[in-house]
Amino acid sequence: MTDFREALASKPVTIAEARRAEKDGGIPDKPGLYAWWLASRHALPAVQAHAPAHPTEPGLAALYVGVAPRDAASRELAASTFRRSLAALLWEKEGWTPRLTEKGRFKLSREDDAALRGWQERNLRLSWLAVERPWDAENLAIGELEPPFNLAGNRDHPFYEEMEWARRRFKMTAEARARRSA
């Protein structure tokens, strides 16, 4: 049985390092699990008390575990639940404007999204673990790492309600903005 906490904590890297070719230490082009780590606990003060410390690098804290069904690189670069959670916690402080897509999903403008990407590059680290059937391992990994941003299967986490409320509030603000401009 895999120790996901140890495996996903083995080598968190910057986003730039993760984008390198696999032979240069970047994300492998394989299915797997990935973990986002907060590099500065001061970057998200609301999460500070609820994000478990990295087992060997005390400055890092676990935020989220996700599945990359095809390859981790495509998942890392895509709009994701994790990025929407970050936006939901940061939009007011950063002055970003929540918006709705034509399909009713909430998002940021292109400029605000670029600012979020910059924030991620400065404040986050990423690790991954190639796993043949990552969806079979996701709940075990979440149980071991206890990341505050995972909502599915993590209802007992002390940050669950605050994270759920932040996401709901972000979406309600985007919906209200869309109604005003319609």
Protein backbone atom coordinates (compact mmCIF):
# COMPACT_ATOMS: atom_id res chain seq x y z
CA MET A 1 0.00 0.00 0.00
CA THR A 2 1.30 3.45 -0.95
CA ASP A 3 1.96 6.10 1.67
CA PHE A 4 0.47 9.00 -0.31
CA ARG A 5 1.51 11.63 2.23
CA GLU A 6 5.15 10.62 1.84
CA ALA A 7 4.96 10.07 -1.93
CA LEU A 8 3.23 13.38 -2.69
CA ALA A 9 5.47 15.26 -0.28
CA SER A 10 8.68 13.91 -1.77
CA LYS A 11 9.61 16.85 -3.97
CA PRO A 12 7.32 19.86 -4.31
CA VAL A 13 8.61 22.16 -7.04
CA THR A 14 7.74 25.53 -8.49
CA ILE A 15 5.28 25.67 -11.38
CA ALA A 16 8.14 26.59 -13.72
CA GLU A 17 10.03 23.47 -12.65
CA ALA A 18 6.89 21.32 -13.04
CA ARG A 19 6.51 22.54 -16.65
CA ARG A 20 9.92 21.19 -17.63
CA ALA A 21 10.25 18.04 -19.67
CA GLU A 22 10.01 14.86 -17.63
CA LYS A 23 13.69 14.09 -18.26
CA ASP A 24 14.52 17.46 -16.65
CA GLY A 25 12.45 16.81 -13.53
CA GLY A 26 9.07 18.00 -14.78
CA ILE A 27 5.68 16.34 -14.55
CA PRO A 28 5.57 12.95 -16.30
CA ASP A 29 3.15 12.44 -19.17
CA LYS A 30 1.24 9.77 -17.25
CA PRO A 31 -1.94 9.58 -15.20
CA GLY A 32 -1.53 10.26 -11.52
CA LEU A 33 -2.22 12.32 -8.44
CA TYR A 34 -0.92 15.80 -7.80
CA ALA A 35 -0.74 17.95 -4.68
CA TRP A 36 -0.63 21.73 -4.35
CA TRP A 37 1.41 23.11 -1.46
CA LEU A 38 1.29 26.63 -0.04
CA ALA A 39 4.86 27.95 0.09
CA SER A 40 4.04 30.88 2.37
CA ARG A 41 1.46 30.45 5.10
CA HIS A 42 1.06 34.25 5.11
CA ALA A 43 -0.22 34.17 1.52
CA LEU A 44 -3.58 32.71 2.64
CA PRO A 45 -4.04 33.66 6.30
CA ALA A 46 -7.59 32.25 6.46
CA VAL A 47 -6.25 28.79 5.61
CA GLN A 48 -3.14 28.97 7.79
CA ALA A 49 -4.49 27.04 10.78
CA HIS A 50 -6.13 24.36 8.63
CA ALA A 51 -3.41 23.45 6.12
CA PRO A 52 -1.25 20.57 7.39
CA ALA A 53 2.48 21.18 7.36
CA HIS A 54 4.69 19.35 4.90
CA PRO A 55 6.35 16.41 6.72
CA THR A 56 9.93 17.52 5.96
CA GLU A 57 9.66 21.15 4.79
CA PRO A 58 7.81 23.02 7.57
CA GLY A 59 7.38 26.15 5.42
CA LEU A 60 5.05 24.26 3.06
CA ALA A 61 1.43 23.34 3.78
CA ALA A 62 -0.89 20.95 1.92
CA LEU A 63 -3.80 22.67 0.13
CA TYR A 64 -5.26 20.26 -2.42
CA VAL A 65 -4.97 16.79 -3.93
CA GLY A 66 -6.27 16.17 -7.44
CA VAL A 67 -6.44 13.56 -10.17
CA ALA A 68 -4.76 13.84 -13.55
CA PRO A 69 -6.59 11.15 -15.53
CA ARG A 70 -4.46 11.49 -18.67
CA ASP A 71 -1.38 13.49 -17.78
CA ALA A 72 -0.55 15.76 -14.89
CA ALA A 73 0.75 18.59 -17.08
CA SER A 74 -2.60 19.16 -18.78
CA ARG A 75 -4.37 19.15 -15.42
CA GLU A 76 -1.88 21.53 -13.81
CA LEU A 77 -2.31 24.09 -16.57
CA ALA A 78 -6.09 23.82 -16.94
CA ALA A 79 -8.77 25.76 -15.14
CA SER A 80 -9.62 23.58 -12.20
CA THR A 81 -11.56 23.28 -9.01
CA PHE A 82 -8.39 24.21 -7.18
CA ARG A 83 -7.95 27.48 -9.11
CA ARG A 84 -11.59 28.41 -8.55
CA SER A 85 -11.08 27.81 -4.84
CA LEU A 86 -8.03 30.07 -4.84
CA ALA A 87 -9.97 32.75 -6.71
CA ALA A 88 -12.84 32.44 -4.22
CA LEU A 89 -10.46 33.15 -1.34
CA LEU A 90 -8.42 35.88 -3.04
CA TRP A 91 -10.76 37.89 -5.28
CA GLU A 92 -11.73 40.60 -2.80
CA LYS A 93 -8.24 41.14 -1.43
CA GLU A 94 -6.77 41.25 -4.94
CA GLY A 95 -9.59 43.36 -6.46
CA TRP A 96 -10.59 40.72 -9.01
CA THR A 97 -14.07 40.57 -10.54
CA PRO A 98 -16.00 37.27 -10.51
CA ARG A 99 -17.71 36.50 -13.84
CA LEU A 100 -19.96 33.81 -15.29
CA THR A 101 -19.34 31.85 -18.46
CA GLU A 102 -22.11 31.17 -20.96
CA LYS A 103 -22.48 27.76 -19.29
CA GLY A 104 -23.07 29.35 -15.88
CA ARG A 105 -19.66 28.51 -14.38
CA PHE A 106 -17.85 31.16 -12.43
CA LYS A 107 -14.44 32.43 -13.50
CA LEU A 108 -12.16 35.46 -13.66
CA SER A 109 -11.49 37.85 -16.51
CA ARG A 110 -8.42 37.18 -18.66
CA GLU A 111 -6.46 39.87 -16.76
CA ASP A 112 -7.53 38.61 -13.34
CA ASP A 113 -6.79 35.03 -14.38
CA ALA A 114 -3.26 36.11 -15.36
CA ALA A 115 -2.91 37.75 -11.94
CA LEU A 116 -4.07 34.52 -10.28
CA ARG A 117 -1.52 32.55 -12.31
CA GLY A 118 1.18 34.96 -11.14
CA TRP A 119 0.02 34.53 -7.54
CA GLN A 120 0.24 30.76 -7.95
CA GLU A 121 3.75 30.97 -9.37
CA ARG A 122 4.91 33.07 -6.41
CA ASN A 123 3.12 31.25 -3.60
CA LEU A 124 2.62 27.60 -4.50
CA ARG A 125 4.55 24.41 -5.05
CA LEU A 126 3.39 21.30 -6.86
CA SER A 127 4.17 17.61 -6.46
CA TRP A 128 2.85 14.53 -8.24
CA LEU A 129 2.80 10.80 -8.20
CA ALA A 130 2.27 8.67 -11.30
CA VAL A 131 -0.55 6.21 -10.54
CA GLU A 132 -2.18 3.96 -13.13
CA ARG A 133 -5.73 4.49 -11.80
CA PRO A 134 -5.50 7.75 -9.80
CA TRP A 135 -9.26 8.01 -9.22
CA ASP A 136 -9.01 4.80 -7.17
CA ALA A 137 -6.38 6.41 -4.93
CA GLU A 138 -7.69 9.96 -4.63
CA ASN A 139 -9.79 9.48 -1.46
CA LEU A 140 -6.93 7.66 0.29
CA ALA A 141 -4.53 10.47 -0.60
CA ILE A 142 -7.00 13.11 0.63
CA GLY A 143 -7.45 11.14 3.87
CA GLU A 144 -3.69 11.02 4.45
CA LEU A 145 -2.84 14.61 3.48
CA GLU A 146 -6.03 16.26 4.85
CA PRO A 147 -5.90 19.22 2.43
CA PRO A 148 -8.35 22.05 3.22
CA PHE A 149 -9.34 22.81 -0.41
CA ASN A 150 -10.74 19.36 -1.20
CA LEU A 151 -14.50 19.43 -0.62
CA ALA A 152 -15.59 16.08 -2.08
CA GLY A 153 -15.17 13.35 0.51
CA ASN A 154 -13.67 15.81 2.99
CA ARG A 155 -16.76 17.18 4.76
CA ASP A 156 -15.25 16.68 8.23
CA HIS A 157 -12.28 18.94 7.52
CA PRO A 158 -12.33 22.00 9.82
CA PHE A 159 -12.01 24.36 6.80
CA TYR A 160 -14.80 22.69 4.79
CA GLU A 161 -17.59 25.14 5.62
CA GLU A 162 -15.40 28.21 5.13
CA MET A 163 -14.15 26.93 1.77
CA GLU A 164 -17.64 26.00 0.63
CA TRP A 165 -18.96 29.43 1.69
CA ALA A 166 -16.12 31.28 -0.11
CA ARG A 167 -16.86 29.39 -3.35
CA ARG A 168 -20.62 29.96 -3.01
CA ARG A 169 -20.13 33.68 -2.31
CA PHE A 170 -17.78 34.04 -5.31
CA LYS A 171 -20.40 32.39 -7.53
CA MET A 172 -23.28 34.47 -6.10
CA THR A 173 -21.28 37.65 -6.76
CA ALA A 174 -20.65 36.57 -10.35
CA GLU A 175 -24.36 35.75 -10.82
CA ALA A 176 -25.45 39.11 -9.36
CA ARG A 177 -22.99 40.92 -11.63
CA ALA A 178 -24.35 39.03 -14.66
CA ARG A 179 -27.96 39.96 -13.74
CA ARG A 180 -27.01 43.64 -13.39
CA SER A 181 -25.36 43.72 -16.81
CA ALA A 182 -28.17 41.79 -18.58
